[in-house]
Protein backbone atom coordinates (compact mmCIF):
# COMPACT_ATOMS: atom_id res chain seq x y z
CA MET A 1 9.83 -19.90 -4.55
CA SER A 2 12.51 -21.34 -6.75
CA GLU A 3 16.20 -20.74 -6.20
CA ASN A 4 16.39 -19.19 -9.67
CA SER A 5 13.90 -16.49 -8.67
CA PRO A 6 14.96 -15.01 -5.30
CA GLU A 7 13.03 -11.77 -5.84
CA LYS A 8 9.44 -11.82 -4.63
CA THR A 9 6.68 -10.96 -7.02
CA PHE A 10 4.40 -7.98 -6.58
CA GLN A 11 1.56 -10.25 -5.46
CA GLU A 12 3.77 -12.09 -2.96
CA ARG A 13 4.77 -8.77 -1.37
CA VAL A 14 1.14 -7.65 -1.27
CA ASP A 15 0.10 -10.94 0.32
CA GLU A 16 2.77 -10.54 3.03
CA PHE A 17 1.53 -7.05 3.93
CA VAL A 18 -2.08 -8.24 4.02
CA ALA A 19 -1.12 -11.21 6.22
CA ILE A 20 0.60 -8.86 8.68
CA ALA A 21 -2.43 -6.57 8.65
CA ASN A 22 -4.73 -9.52 9.33
CA GLN A 23 -2.52 -10.62 12.25
CA GLN A 24 -2.59 -7.11 13.70
CA ALA A 25 -6.36 -6.83 13.22
CA ALA A 26 -6.77 -9.91 15.38
CA GLU A 27 -5.03 -8.04 18.21
CA SER A 28 -6.38 -4.54 17.51
CA THR A 29 -9.17 -2.95 15.52
CA VAL A 30 -9.42 -2.90 11.74
CA ASP A 31 -9.60 0.90 11.90
CA ASP A 32 -6.37 1.10 13.91
CA VAL A 33 -4.62 -1.25 11.47
CA ASN A 34 -5.95 0.77 8.53
CA THR A 35 -4.53 3.96 10.03
CA SER A 36 -1.18 2.28 10.62
CA ILE A 37 -1.05 1.01 7.05
CA LEU A 38 -1.90 4.41 5.60
CA PHE A 39 0.72 6.14 7.73
CA SER A 40 3.32 3.50 6.87
CA ALA A 41 2.58 3.87 3.16
CA ALA A 42 2.84 7.65 3.41
CA ARG A 43 6.15 7.37 5.27
CA PHE A 44 7.59 4.93 2.73
CA ASN A 45 6.28 7.00 -0.19
CA ALA A 46 7.99 10.10 1.26
CA PHE A 47 11.21 8.08 1.59
CA SER A 48 10.86 6.89 -2.01
CA VAL A 49 10.47 10.42 -3.32
CA ALA A 50 13.21 11.83 -1.09
CA ARG A 51 15.76 9.29 -2.28
CA SER A 52 15.10 10.27 -5.89
CA VAL A 53 16.29 13.87 -5.41
CA GLU A 54 19.58 15.48 -4.45
CA THR A 55 18.48 18.30 -2.12
CA ALA A 56 15.67 19.41 0.17
CA ASP A 57 14.93 22.18 -2.33
CA ASN A 58 14.45 19.54 -5.05
CA LEU A 59 12.22 17.59 -2.70
CA GLN A 60 10.16 20.70 -2.03
CA ALA A 61 9.86 21.24 -5.79
CA GLU A 62 8.68 17.63 -6.30
CA LYS A 63 6.35 17.56 -3.29
CA GLN A 64 3.06 18.51 -5.02
CA ALA A 65 3.68 16.25 -8.01
CA ALA A 66 4.41 13.36 -5.65
CA ILE A 67 1.23 13.99 -3.66
CA GLU A 68 -0.81 14.07 -6.86
CA PHE A 69 0.86 10.91 -8.18
CA PHE A 70 0.36 8.85 -5.01
CA THR A 71 -3.16 10.19 -4.47
CA GLN A 72 -4.18 9.24 -8.00
CA ARG A 73 -2.57 5.80 -7.77
CA TYR A 74 -4.22 5.13 -4.40
CA ALA A 75 -7.64 6.15 -5.77
CA GLU A 76 -7.17 3.80 -8.74
CA MET A 77 -6.09 0.90 -6.53
CA LEU A 78 -8.89 1.47 -4.01
CA ASN A 79 -11.45 1.62 -6.82
CA GLN A 80 -10.12 -1.60 -8.34
CA ASN A 81 -10.24 -3.42 -5.01
CA LEU A 82 -13.72 -2.13 -4.15
CA GLU A 83 -14.98 -3.25 -7.56
CA GLU A 84 -13.53 -6.72 -6.94
CA TYR A 85 -15.08 -6.81 -3.47
CA ILE A 86 -18.47 -5.78 -4.89
CA ALA A 87 -18.28 -8.51 -7.53
CA ARG A 88 -17.36 -11.15 -4.94
CA PHE A 89 -19.14 -9.72 -1.92
CA ASP A 90 -21.10 -12.83 -0.98
CA SER A 91 -18.12 -15.17 -1.20
CA TYR A 92 -15.88 -12.74 0.73
CA GLN A 93 -18.46 -12.31 3.49
CA GLN A 94 -18.58 -16.07 4.06
CA LYS A 95 -14.91 -16.23 5.04
């Protein structure tokens, strides 16, 4: 990464999370790592929503919209990644 661009790109951040998940999967099960990732994402998503409001009442008011937003985005991302995996299944299975 160049000195002029200290901020990591979206893909660089994704790759770091995947690398950590792969390291943990070597010491645990993929299912356990999956559960940890999902819980971590939910925790960070809750933090993200909570920091965007002023009060617990506002958070309560935003709760359902946030759940719908993150659920929809996750479904879109999962679909996109499954489609990619289907298209490249044979090459991914060889790794």
